[in-house]
Amino acid sequence: MQTHIVPVGFDYDRLIAPLVREQMDVDRVILLEGDVGSEANVEYSRQIAEKLEQDYINLLGAETERFVIEDVYDYDEAFEQAFELINRELDNDDDSESEVWVNISAMPRTVSFAFATAAHSIMVEREGDRDRIHTYYTVPEKYLETELAEELRAQIELLEDLQSTDKDDEQLEERLESARQLLSEFDERGTTIGAKEIDGSHVVELPVALFSNVEPFEEVILFTLGEHGEFESVSELAQQLARELGEEYTDSFRSKVIYNVDRLGPGGKGYIEQEEHGKSYRTRLSRIGELWVRAHSGKEDADGRLDLDLF
């Protein structure tokens, strides 16, 4: 079983042409859609997804599914969704030779990086499945933006010629001014304008999340931090763990927690960060630790399937 996971943006050729030209086996395709930009952009992307869905079926004979990514600029959510989706595809097939291919050519960079990093993290965690997971990118033969700009210049010249014979045509003047404005913005700023603020910042940090193998007791620590947030000290964390595990809080148990927190800390796996506070250390998940907890929460619906939004 060859499954391709394809985040859909505004591209068509790069999401299907390499599969056709390379004559790759494609049994199943999962298309991911998201709200990107204006209503017109969203509708255009949806049309691309619909065309891809039909052509994957007609040209490659592939089974297709479509999922929705609610917020394409939420890296953590995209990472979690990618992690669940790739693992699901690896686990759903009894064929040990089945493979998962992730196309990162389209969609906003947050989604592309999230899916690529999730795939790499799964390769680290599932060393035996490393050869079954692939990420790939396709380079376009040409970009249409500059050609569209040149065509717009030619249209402006035509409108100017028409205007010279009919200076009172208000609609003509309106279209000419609109075209000049758009071309001026393109010449000055390129294909995008401005820097959008997301969650109070203009910078969306993309953490490196190549997960390490986590021992069972380490998992309990991470999930406890994920549930309760920051602890004022490792001792406070140890007391909480003892209560949840039904164990007696002893010096031995506390030492066990300290040892495992150190292994999970900055000098180890990097899933926990600590801040000195008097004689104690405030203990909380690092950004990578938060991603690990989100990715391993195992959200499932009533049928035991991962909770992904089916289009």
C-alpha atoms as a PDB file:
ATOM      1  CA  MET A   1       0.000   0.000   0.000  1.00  0.00           C
ATOM      2  CA  GLN A   2       1.441   3.334  -1.126  1.00  0.00           C
ATOM      3  CA  THR A   3      -0.245   6.254   0.656  1.00  0.00           C
ATOM      4  CA  HIS A   4       0.446   9.881  -0.266  1.00  0.00           C
ATOM      5  CA  ILE A   5      -0.404  12.707   2.138  1.00  0.00           C
ATOM      6  CA  VAL A   6      -0.821  15.941   0.173  1.00  0.00           C
ATOM      7  CA  PRO A   7      -1.428  19.351   1.795  1.00  0.00           C
ATOM      8  CA  VAL A   8      -3.210  21.434  -0.880  1.00  0.00           C
ATOM      9  CA  GLY A   9      -2.483  25.115  -1.495  1.00  0.00           C
ATOM     10  CA  PHE A  10      -2.702  26.893  -4.837  1.00  0.00           C
ATOM     11  CA  ASP A  11      -0.675  24.401  -6.897  1.00  0.00           C
ATOM     12  CA  TYR A  12      -1.935  21.621  -9.131  1.00  0.00           C
ATOM     13  CA  ASP A  13       0.949  20.255 -11.232  1.00  0.00           C
ATOM     14  CA  ARG A  14       3.416  19.805  -8.379  1.00  0.00           C
ATOM     15  CA  LEU A  15       0.908  17.676  -6.464  1.00  0.00           C
ATOM     16  CA  ILE A  16       0.178  15.147  -9.199  1.00  0.00           C
ATOM     17  CA  ALA A  17       2.623  15.525 -12.113  1.00  0.00           C
ATOM     18  CA  PRO A  18       5.602  13.874 -10.335  1.00  0.00           C
ATOM     19  CA  LEU A  19       3.498  10.825  -9.507  1.00  0.00           C
ATOM     20  CA  VAL A  20       2.333  10.459 -13.112  1.00  0.00           C
ATOM     21  CA  ARG A  21       5.704  11.174 -14.723  1.00  0.00           C
ATOM     22  CA  GLU A  22       7.653   8.926 -12.350  1.00  0.00           C
ATOM     23  CA  GLN A  23       4.994   6.209 -12.781  1.00  0.00           C
ATOM     24  CA  MET A  24       4.819   5.792  -9.018  1.00  0.00           C
ATOM     25  CA  ASP A  25       2.431   3.355  -7.398  1.00  0.00           C
ATOM     26  CA  VAL A  26      -0.296   5.339  -5.658  1.00  0.00           C
ATOM     27  CA  ASP A  27      -2.975   3.348  -3.852  1.00  0.00           C
ATOM     28  CA  ARG A  28      -4.323   6.012  -1.559  1.00  0.00           C
ATOM     29  CA  VAL A  29      -4.174   9.828  -1.416  1.00  0.00           C
ATOM     30  CA  ILE A  30      -5.077  12.000   1.567  1.00  0.00           C
ATOM     31  CA  LEU A  31      -5.732  15.615   0.597  1.00  0.00           C
ATOM     32  CA  LEU A  32      -5.484  18.253   3.318  1.00  0.00           C
ATOM     33  CA  GLU A  33      -7.244  21.582   2.866  1.00  0.00           C
ATOM     34  CA  GLY A  34      -7.115  24.741   4.956  1.00  0.00           C
ATOM     35  CA  ASP A  35      -8.424  28.273   5.100  1.00  0.00           C
ATOM     36  CA  VAL A  36      -5.713  30.408   3.481  1.00  0.00           C
ATOM     37  CA  GLY A  37      -6.214  34.143   3.038  1.00  0.00           C
ATOM     38  CA  SER A  38      -9.316  35.687   1.494  1.00  0.00           C
ATOM     39  CA  GLU A  39     -12.594  33.988   0.657  1.00  0.00           C
ATOM     40  CA  ALA A  40     -11.538  33.963  -2.992  1.00  0.00           C
ATOM     41  CA  ASN A  41      -8.271  32.206  -2.057  1.00  0.00           C
ATOM     42  CA  VAL A  42     -10.137  29.595  -0.027  1.00  0.00           C
ATOM     43  CA  GLU A  43     -12.539  28.910  -2.886  1.00  0.00           C
ATOM     44  CA  TYR A  44      -9.687  28.655  -5.389  1.00  0.00           C
ATOM     45  CA  SER A  45      -7.827  26.187  -3.171  1.00  0.00           C
ATOM     46  CA  ARG A  46     -11.009  24.138  -2.753  1.00  0.00           C
ATOM     47  CA  GLN A  47     -11.436  23.958  -6.526  1.00  0.00           C
ATOM     48  CA  ILE A  48      -7.841  22.756  -6.866  1.00  0.00           C
ATOM     49  CA  ALA A  49      -8.520  20.040  -4.266  1.00  0.00           C
ATOM     50  CA  GLU A  50     -11.653  18.895  -6.088  1.00  0.00           C
ATOM     51  CA  LYS A  51      -9.787  18.683  -9.405  1.00  0.00           C
ATOM     52  CA  LEU A  52      -6.922  16.792  -7.766  1.00  0.00           C
ATOM     53  CA  GLU A  53      -9.342  14.359  -6.147  1.00  0.00           C
ATOM     54  CA  GLN A  54     -10.906  13.491  -9.481  1.00  0.00           C
ATOM     55  CA  ASP A  55      -7.577  13.210 -11.306  1.00  0.00           C
ATOM     56  CA  TYR A  56      -6.015  11.014  -8.621  1.00  0.00           C
ATOM     57  CA  ILE A  57      -8.930   8.657  -9.178  1.00  0.00           C
ATOM     58  CA  ASN A  58      -9.032   8.884 -12.988  1.00  0.00           C
ATOM     59  CA  LEU A  59      -5.295   9.018 -13.756  1.00  0.00           C
ATOM     60  CA  LEU A  60      -3.848   6.907 -10.943  1.00  0.00           C
ATOM     61  CA  GLY A  61      -6.781   4.798  -9.793  1.00  0.00           C
ATOM     62  CA  ALA A  62      -6.161   5.924  -6.228  1.00  0.00           C
ATOM     63  CA  GLU A  63      -8.609   5.937  -3.348  1.00  0.00           C
ATOM     64  CA  THR A  64      -8.894   9.489  -1.998  1.00  0.00           C
ATOM     65  CA  GLU A  65      -9.830  11.223   1.255  1.00  0.00           C
ATOM     66  CA  ARG A  66     -10.059  14.923   2.063  1.00  0.00           C
ATOM     67  CA  PHE A  67      -9.375  16.437   5.469  1.00  0.00           C
ATOM     68  CA  VAL A  68      -9.569  20.000   6.745  1.00  0.00           C
ATOM     69  CA  ILE A  69      -6.805  21.834   8.626  1.00  0.00           C
ATOM     70  CA  GLU A  70      -8.703  24.452  10.600  1.00  0.00           C
ATOM     71  CA  ASP A  71      -5.818  26.905  11.105  1.00  0.00           C
ATOM     72  CA  VAL A  72      -2.944  26.644   8.625  1.00  0.00           C
ATOM     73  CA  TYR A  73      -0.827  29.038  10.709  1.00  0.00           C
ATOM     74  CA  ASP A  74      -1.027  27.003  13.924  1.00  0.00           C
ATOM     75  CA  TYR A  75       2.218  25.019  13.742  1.00  0.00           C
ATOM     76  CA  ASP A  76       1.540  22.977  16.882  1.00  0.00           C
ATOM     77  CA  GLU A  77      -1.903  21.875  15.688  1.00  0.00           C
ATOM     78  CA  ALA A  78      -0.576  21.010  12.226  1.00  0.00           C
ATOM     79  CA  PHE A  79       2.273  19.022  13.793  1.00  0.00           C
ATOM     80  CA  GLU A  80      -0.126  17.092  16.012  1.00  0.00           C
ATOM     81  CA  GLN A  81      -2.414  16.340  13.093  1.00  0.00           C
ATOM     82  CA  ALA A  82       0.518  15.235  10.930  1.00  0.00           C
ATOM     83  CA  PHE A  83       1.890  13.011  13.694  1.00  0.00           C
ATOM     84  CA  GLU A  84      -1.466  11.291  14.212  1.00  0.00           C
ATOM     85  CA  LEU A  85      -2.166  10.945  10.508  1.00  0.00           C
ATOM     86  CA  ILE A  86       1.206   9.437   9.545  1.00  0.00           C
ATOM     87  CA  ASN A  87       1.144   7.010  12.478  1.00  0.00           C
ATOM     88  CA  ARG A  88      -2.404   6.017  11.598  1.00  0.00           C
ATOM     89  CA  GLU A  89      -1.404   5.195   8.050  1.00  0.00           C
ATOM     90  CA  LEU A  90       1.580   3.152   9.217  1.00  0.00           C
ATOM     91  CA  ASP A  91      -0.548   1.210  11.709  1.00  0.00           C
ATOM     92  CA  ASN A  92      -3.680   0.711   9.613  1.00  0.00           C
ATOM     93  CA  ASP A  93      -2.101  -1.638   7.115  1.00  0.00           C
ATOM     94  CA  ASP A  94      -0.951  -5.139   7.993  1.00  0.00           C
ATOM     95  CA  ASP A  95       1.501  -5.030   5.083  1.00  0.00           C
ATOM     96  CA  SER A  96       4.938  -4.284   6.544  1.00  0.00           C
ATOM     97  CA  GLU A  97       6.034  -3.100   3.103  1.00  0.00           C
ATOM     98  CA  SER A  98       3.429  -0.305   2.957  1.00  0.00           C
ATOM     99  CA  GLU A  99       4.846   3.215   2.704  1.00  0.00           C
ATOM    100  CA  VAL A 100       3.722   6.761   3.492  1.00  0.00           C
ATOM    101  CA  TRP A 101       4.787   9.654   1.256  1.00  0.00           C
ATOM    102  CA  VAL A 102       4.362  13.279   2.380  1.00  0.00           C
ATOM    103  CA  ASN A 103       4.355  15.954  -0.334  1.00  0.00           C
ATOM    104  CA  ILE A 104       5.476  19.318   1.127  1.00  0.00           C
ATOM    105  CA  SER A 105       5.420  21.312  -2.133  1.00  0.00           C
ATOM    106  CA  ALA A 106       2.274  23.338  -1.385  1.00  0.00           C
ATOM    107  CA  MET A 107       0.349  24.855   1.563  1.00  0.00           C
ATOM    108  CA  PRO A 108       1.764  27.609   3.834  1.00  0.00           C
ATOM    109  CA  ARG A 109       5.240  26.935   5.209  1.00  0.00           C
ATOM    110  CA  THR A 110       3.854  26.287   8.705  1.00  0.00           C
ATOM    111  CA  VAL A 111       1.978  23.227   7.461  1.00  0.00           C
ATOM    112  CA  SER A 112       4.780  22.020   5.188  1.00  0.00           C
ATOM    113  CA  PHE A 113       7.405  22.267   7.934  1.00  0.00           C
ATOM    114  CA  ALA A 114       5.061  20.725  10.500  1.00  0.00           C
ATOM    115  CA  PHE A 115       4.391  17.694   8.308  1.00  0.00           C
ATOM    116  CA  ALA A 116       8.052  17.290   7.335  1.00  0.00           C
ATOM    117  CA  THR A 117       9.229  17.542  10.956  1.00  0.00           C
ATOM    118  CA  ALA A 118       6.517  15.185  12.179  1.00  0.00           C
ATOM    119  CA  ALA A 119       7.575  12.622   9.568  1.00  0.00           C
ATOM    120  CA  HIS A 120      11.216  12.913  10.672  1.00  0.00           C
ATOM    121  CA  SER A 121      10.241  12.618  14.339  1.00  0.00           C
ATOM    122  CA  ILE A 122       8.310   9.421  13.645  1.00  0.00           C
ATOM    123  CA  MET A 123      11.367   8.055  11.815  1.00  0.00           C
ATOM    124  CA  VAL A 124      13.369   8.564  15.017  1.00  0.00           C
ATOM    125  CA  GLU A 125      10.735   7.007  17.273  1.00  0.00           C
ATOM    126  CA  ARG A 126       9.958   4.120  14.922  1.00  0.00           C
ATOM    127  CA  GLU A 127      13.411   3.177  13.731  1.00  0.00           C
ATOM    128  CA  GLY A 128      12.179  -0.086  12.247  1.00  0.00           C
ATOM    129  CA  ASP A 129       9.744   1.844  10.009  1.00  0.00           C
ATOM    130  CA  ARG A 130      12.233   4.475   8.866  1.00  0.00           C
ATOM    131  CA  ASP A 131      12.342   3.152   5.290  1.00  0.00           C
ATOM    132  CA  ARG A 132       8.530   3.305   5.059  1.00  0.00           C
ATOM    133  CA  ILE A 133       8.299   7.077   5.558  1.00  0.00           C
ATOM    134  CA  HIS A 134       9.228   9.615   2.877  1.00  0.00           C
ATOM    135  CA  THR A 135       8.962  13.384   2.511  1.00  0.00           C
ATOM    136  CA  TYR A 136       9.366  14.939  -0.914  1.00  0.00           C
ATOM    137  CA  TYR A 137       9.284  18.276  -2.724  1.00  0.00           C
ATOM    138  CA  THR A 138       8.764  19.069  -6.403  1.00  0.00           C
ATOM    139  CA  VAL A 139      10.398  22.080  -8.072  1.00  0.00           C
ATOM    140  CA  PRO A 140       8.077  23.972 -10.481  1.00  0.00           C
ATOM    141  CA  GLU A 141       9.138  24.290 -14.102  1.00  0.00           C
ATOM    142  CA  LYS A 142       8.191  27.970 -14.018  1.00  0.00           C
ATOM    143  CA  TYR A 143       6.415  30.533 -11.863  1.00  0.00           C
ATOM    144  CA  LEU A 144       3.364  32.341 -13.267  1.00  0.00           C
ATOM    145  CA  GLU A 145       3.572  35.525 -11.184  1.00  0.00           C
ATOM    146  CA  THR A 146       6.031  37.349 -13.448  1.00  0.00           C
ATOM    147  CA  GLU A 147       4.165  36.261 -16.576  1.00  0.00           C
ATOM    148  CA  LEU A 148       0.911  37.532 -15.083  1.00  0.00           C
ATOM    149  CA  ALA A 149       2.618  40.848 -14.278  1.00  0.00           C
ATOM    150  CA  GLU A 150       3.891  41.213 -17.832  1.00  0.00           C
ATOM    151  CA  GLU A 151       0.446  40.430 -19.205  1.00  0.00           C
ATOM    152  CA  LEU A 152      -1.002  43.073 -16.898  1.00  0.00           C
ATOM    153  CA  ARG A 153       1.483  45.624 -18.252  1.00  0.00           C
ATOM    154  CA  ALA A 154       0.304  44.845 -21.766  1.00  0.00           C
ATOM    155  CA  GLN A 155      -3.319  45.218 -20.682  1.00  0.00           C
ATOM    156  CA  ILE A 156      -2.553  48.599 -19.125  1.00  0.00           C
ATOM    157  CA  GLU A 157      -1.037  49.789 -22.388  1.00  0.00           C
ATOM    158  CA  LEU A 158      -4.150  48.640 -24.229  1.00  0.00           C
ATOM    159  CA  LEU A 159      -6.445  50.410 -21.764  1.00  0.00           C
ATOM    160  CA  GLU A 160      -4.377  53.587 -22.095  1.00  0.00           C
ATOM    161  CA  ASP A 161      -4.762  53.470 -25.889  1.00  0.00           C
ATOM    162  CA  LEU A 162      -8.514  53.041 -25.507  1.00  0.00           C
ATOM    163  CA  GLN A 163      -8.677  55.862 -22.994  1.00  0.00           C
ATOM    164  CA  SER A 164      -6.984  58.224 -25.460  1.00  0.00           C
ATOM    165  CA  THR A 165     -10.041  57.889 -27.719  1.00  0.00           C
ATOM    166  CA  ASP A 166     -12.633  58.027 -24.950  1.00  0.00           C
ATOM    167  CA  LYS A 167     -11.488  60.093 -21.967  1.00  0.00           C
ATOM    168  CA  ASP A 168     -14.964  60.222 -20.421  1.00  0.00           C
ATOM    169  CA  ASP A 169     -15.383  56.473 -19.912  1.00  0.00           C
ATOM    170  CA  GLU A 170     -15.479  56.172 -16.088  1.00  0.00           C
ATOM    171  CA  GLN A 171     -15.438  52.380 -16.077  1.00  0.00           C
ATOM    172  CA  LEU A 172     -12.354  52.351 -18.281  1.00  0.00           C
ATOM    173  CA  GLU A 173     -10.616  54.837 -15.997  1.00  0.00           C
ATOM    174  CA  GLU A 174     -11.544  52.740 -12.930  1.00  0.00           C
ATOM    175  CA  ARG A 175     -10.154  49.525 -14.438  1.00  0.00           C
ATOM    176  CA  LEU A 176      -6.988  51.289 -15.576  1.00  0.00           C
ATOM    177  CA  GLU A 177      -6.344  52.775 -12.145  1.00  0.00           C
ATOM    178  CA  SER A 178      -6.950  49.408 -10.458  1.00  0.00           C
ATOM    179  CA  ALA A 179      -4.503  47.660 -12.789  1.00  0.00           C
ATOM    180  CA  ARG A 180      -1.850  50.353 -12.247  1.00  0.00           C
ATOM    181  CA  GLN A 181      -2.242  50.063  -8.479  1.00  0.00           C
ATOM    182  CA  LEU A 182      -1.912  46.276  -8.507  1.00  0.00           C
ATOM    183  CA  LEU A 183       1.134  46.321 -10.776  1.00  0.00           C
ATOM    184  CA  SER A 184       2.768  49.031  -8.674  1.00  0.00           C
ATOM    185  CA  GLU A 185       2.352  46.904  -5.541  1.00  0.00           C
ATOM    186  CA  PHE A 186       3.774  43.865  -7.325  1.00  0.00           C
ATOM    187  CA  ASP A 187       6.825  45.804  -8.559  1.00  0.00           C
ATOM    188  CA  GLU A 188       7.445  47.260  -5.114  1.00  0.00           C
ATOM    189  CA  ARG A 189       6.687  44.304  -2.840  1.00  0.00           C
ATOM    190  CA  GLY A 190       6.697  41.099  -4.864  1.00  0.00           C
ATOM    191  CA  THR A 191       3.995  38.465  -4.581  1.00  0.00           C
ATOM    192  CA  THR A 192       2.922  39.192  -0.970  1.00  0.00           C
ATOM    193  CA  ILE A 193       2.111  42.254   1.113  1.00  0.00           C
ATOM    194  CA  GLY A 194       2.718  42.937   4.789  1.00  0.00           C
ATOM    195  CA  ALA A 195       3.405  40.658   7.748  1.00  0.00           C
ATOM    196  CA  LYS A 196       0.357  39.154   9.449  1.00  0.00           C
ATOM    197  CA  GLU A 197       0.184  38.971  13.234  1.00  0.00           C
ATOM    198  CA  ILE A 198      -0.569  35.484  14.555  1.00  0.00           C
ATOM    199  CA  ASP A 199      -1.374  35.009  18.259  1.00  0.00           C
ATOM    200  CA  GLY A 200       0.124  38.373  19.171  1.00  0.00           C
ATOM    201  CA  SER A 201       3.352  37.975  17.216  1.00  0.00           C
ATOM    202  CA  HIS A 202       4.595  38.468  13.678  1.00  0.00           C
ATOM    203  CA  VAL A 203       7.036  35.588  14.143  1.00  0.00           C
ATOM    204  CA  VAL A 204       5.826  31.974  14.057  1.00  0.00           C
ATOM    205  CA  GLU A 205       8.561  29.889  15.644  1.00  0.00           C
ATOM    206  CA  LEU A 206       9.144  26.510  14.012  1.00  0.00           C
ATOM    207  CA  PRO A 207      10.788  24.267  16.631  1.00  0.00           C
ATOM    208  CA  VAL A 208      12.943  21.300  15.693  1.00  0.00           C
ATOM    209  CA  ALA A 209      11.079  18.264  17.008  1.00  0.00           C
ATOM    210  CA  LEU A 210      13.042  15.102  16.350  1.00  0.00           C
ATOM    211  CA  PHE A 211      11.649  13.010  19.188  1.00  0.00           C
ATOM    212  CA  SER A 212      13.714  10.557  21.194  1.00  0.00           C
ATOM    213  CA  ASN A 213      12.445   7.286  22.584  1.00  0.00           C
ATOM    214  CA  VAL A 214      10.709   7.884  25.922  1.00  0.00           C
ATOM    215  CA  GLU A 215      10.612   5.333  28.741  1.00  0.00           C
ATOM    216  CA  PRO A 216       7.268   4.538  30.442  1.00  0.00           C
ATOM    217  CA  PHE A 217       8.006   6.488  33.654  1.00  0.00           C
ATOM    218  CA  GLU A 218       9.237   9.422  31.580  1.00  0.00           C
ATOM    219  CA  GLU A 219       5.916   9.342  29.713  1.00  0.00           C
ATOM    220  CA  VAL A 220       4.033   9.649  33.005  1.00  0.00           C
ATOM    221  CA  ILE A 221       6.110  12.697  33.941  1.00  0.00           C
ATOM    222  CA  LEU A 222       5.501  14.378  30.588  1.00  0.00           C
ATOM    223  CA  PHE A 223       1.760  13.741  30.614  1.00  0.00           C
ATOM    224  CA  THR A 224       1.528  14.995  34.217  1.00  0.00           C
ATOM    225  CA  LEU A 225       3.298  18.216  33.264  1.00  0.00           C
ATOM    226  CA  GLY A 226       1.038  18.500  30.260  1.00  0.00           C
ATOM    227  CA  GLU A 227      -2.056  18.161  32.437  1.00  0.00           C
ATOM    228  CA  HIS A 228      -1.037  20.349  35.368  1.00  0.00           C
ATOM    229  CA  GLY A 229       1.374  22.826  33.772  1.00  0.00           C
ATOM    230  CA  GLU A 230       4.225  24.282  35.808  1.00  0.00           C
ATOM    231  CA  PHE A 231       5.332  22.932  39.178  1.00  0.00           C
ATOM    232  CA  GLU A 232       7.156  25.149  41.678  1.00  0.00           C
ATOM    233  CA  SER A 233       9.703  22.410  42.366  1.00  0.00           C
ATOM    234  CA  VAL A 234      10.630  18.869  41.402  1.00  0.00           C
ATOM    235  CA  SER A 235       9.486  17.778  44.871  1.00  0.00           C
ATOM    236  CA  GLU A 236       6.016  19.181  44.163  1.00  0.00           C
ATOM    237  CA  LEU A 237       5.978  17.296  40.863  1.00  0.00           C
ATOM    238  CA  ALA A 238       7.086  14.107  42.647  1.00  0.00           C
ATOM    239  CA  GLN A 239       4.284  14.453  45.204  1.00  0.00           C
ATOM    240  CA  GLN A 240       1.717  14.839  42.429  1.00  0.00           C
ATOM    241  CA  LEU A 241       3.100  11.780  40.632  1.00  0.00           C
ATOM    242  CA  ALA A 242       2.974   9.724  43.832  1.00  0.00           C
ATOM    243  CA  ARG A 243      -0.688  10.636  44.327  1.00  0.00           C
ATOM    244  CA  GLU A 244      -1.623   9.797  40.747  1.00  0.00           C
ATOM    245  CA  LEU A 245       0.295   6.503  40.766  1.00  0.00           C
ATOM    246  CA  GLY A 246      -0.915   5.513  44.236  1.00  0.00           C
ATOM    247  CA  GLU A 247       2.651   5.213  45.508  1.00  0.00           C
ATOM    248  CA  GLU A 248       4.176   6.299  48.791  1.00  0.00           C
ATOM    249  CA  TYR A 249       6.128   9.539  48.569  1.00  0.00           C
ATOM    250  CA  THR A 250       9.591   8.540  49.813  1.00  0.00           C
ATOM    251  CA  ASP A 251      13.133   9.818  49.315  1.00  0.00           C
ATOM    252  CA  SER A 252      13.672   6.947  46.907  1.00  0.00           C
ATOM    253  CA  PHE A 253      10.633   7.894  44.815  1.00  0.00           C
ATOM    254  CA  ARG A 254      11.666  11.570  44.851  1.00  0.00           C
ATOM    255  CA  SER A 255      15.172  10.627  43.681  1.00  0.00           C
ATOM    256  CA  LYS A 256      13.660   8.559  40.871  1.00  0.00           C
ATOM    257  CA  VAL A 257      11.661  11.577  39.701  1.00  0.00           C
ATOM    258  CA  ILE A 258      14.698  13.882  39.890  1.00  0.00           C
ATOM    259  CA  TYR A 259      16.751  11.413  37.857  1.00  0.00           C
ATOM    260  CA  ASN A 260      14.122  11.127  35.135  1.00  0.00           C
ATOM    261  CA  VAL A 261      13.478  14.883  35.053  1.00  0.00           C
ATOM    262  CA  ASP A 262      17.220  15.365  34.481  1.00  0.00           C
ATOM    263  CA  ARG A 263      17.094  12.866  31.604  1.00  0.00           C
ATOM    264  CA  LEU A 264      14.185  14.804  30.102  1.00  0.00           C
ATOM    265  CA  GLY A 265      15.786  18.205  30.695  1.00  0.00           C
ATOM    266  CA  PRO A 266      17.992  20.497  28.585  1.00  0.00           C
ATOM    267  CA  GLY A 267      21.056  18.285  29.027  1.00  0.00           C
ATOM    268  CA  GLY A 268      19.093  15.233  27.922  1.00  0.00           C
ATOM    269  CA  LYS A 269      16.094  14.899  25.642  1.00  0.00           C
ATOM    270  CA  GLY A 270      15.043  18.534  25.911  1.00  0.00           C
ATOM    271  CA  TYR A 271      11.377  17.916  26.740  1.00  0.00           C
ATOM    272  CA  ILE A 272      11.498  19.725  30.105  1.00  0.00           C
ATOM    273  CA  GLU A 273      12.851  23.143  31.021  1.00  0.00           C
ATOM    274  CA  GLN A 274      13.616  24.402  34.523  1.00  0.00           C
ATOM    275  CA  GLU A 275      14.027  27.863  36.031  1.00  0.00           C
ATOM    276  CA  GLU A 276      15.949  28.404  39.263  1.00  0.00           C
ATOM    277  CA  HIS A 277      13.668  29.770  41.978  1.00  0.00           C
ATOM    278  CA  GLY A 278      15.415  30.131  45.334  1.00  0.00           C
ATOM    279  CA  LYS A 279      16.563  26.663  46.326  1.00  0.00           C
ATOM    280  CA  SER A 280      14.086  25.008  43.960  1.00  0.00           C
ATOM    281  CA  TYR A 281      13.569  24.757  40.226  1.00  0.00           C
ATOM    282  CA  ARG A 282      10.291  25.607  38.559  1.00  0.00           C
ATOM    283  CA  THR A 283       9.632  22.707  36.202  1.00  0.00           C
ATOM    284  CA  ARG A 284       7.542  22.764  33.038  1.00  0.00           C
ATOM    285  CA  LEU A 285       7.408  21.352  29.543  1.00  0.00           C
ATOM    286  CA  SER A 286       9.603  22.906  26.886  1.00  0.00           C
ATOM    287  CA  ARG A 287       8.098  23.774  23.501  1.00  0.00           C
ATOM    288  CA  ILE A 288       9.267  20.389  22.201  1.00  0.00           C
ATOM    289  CA  GLY A 289       7.820  18.712  25.295  1.00  0.00           C
ATOM    290  CA  GLU A 290       4.458  20.344  24.615  1.00  0.00           C
ATOM    291  CA  LEU A 291       4.576  19.046  21.029  1.00  0.00           C
ATOM    292  CA  TRP A 292       5.444  15.554  22.281  1.00  0.00           C
ATOM    293  CA  VAL A 293       2.469  15.529  24.675  1.00  0.00           C
ATOM    294  CA  ARG A 294       0.086  16.829  22.006  1.00  0.00           C
ATOM    295  CA  ALA A 295       1.338  14.306  19.469  1.00  0.00           C
ATOM    296  CA  HIS A 296       1.073  11.367  21.890  1.00  0.00           C
ATOM    297  CA  SER A 297      -2.271  12.198  23.488  1.00  0.00           C
ATOM    298  CA  GLY A 298      -3.934   9.584  21.249  1.00  0.00           C
ATOM    299  CA  LYS A 299      -7.210  11.389  20.571  1.00  0.00           C
ATOM    300  CA  GLU A 300      -9.678   8.886  19.156  1.00  0.00           C
ATOM    301  CA  ASP A 301     -13.360   8.940  18.369  1.00  0.00           C
ATOM    302  CA  ALA A 302     -16.000   6.386  19.355  1.00  0.00           C
ATOM    303  CA  ASP A 303     -14.911   4.075  16.555  1.00  0.00           C
ATOM    304  CA  GLY A 304     -11.284   4.121  17.639  1.00  0.00           C
ATOM    305  CA  ARG A 305     -10.225   6.346  14.750  1.00  0.00           C
ATOM    306  CA  LEU A 306      -8.095   9.436  15.080  1.00  0.00           C
ATOM    307  CA  ASP A 307     -10.096  12.618  15.574  1.00  0.00           C
ATOM    308  CA  LEU A 308      -9.388  14.350  12.252  1.00  0.00           C
ATOM    309  CA  ASP A 309     -11.874  16.616  10.525  1.00  0.00           C
ATOM    310  CA  LEU A 310     -13.115  14.775   7.440  1.00  0.00           C
ATOM    311  CA  PHE A 311     -14.129  17.125   4.636  1.00  0.00           C
END
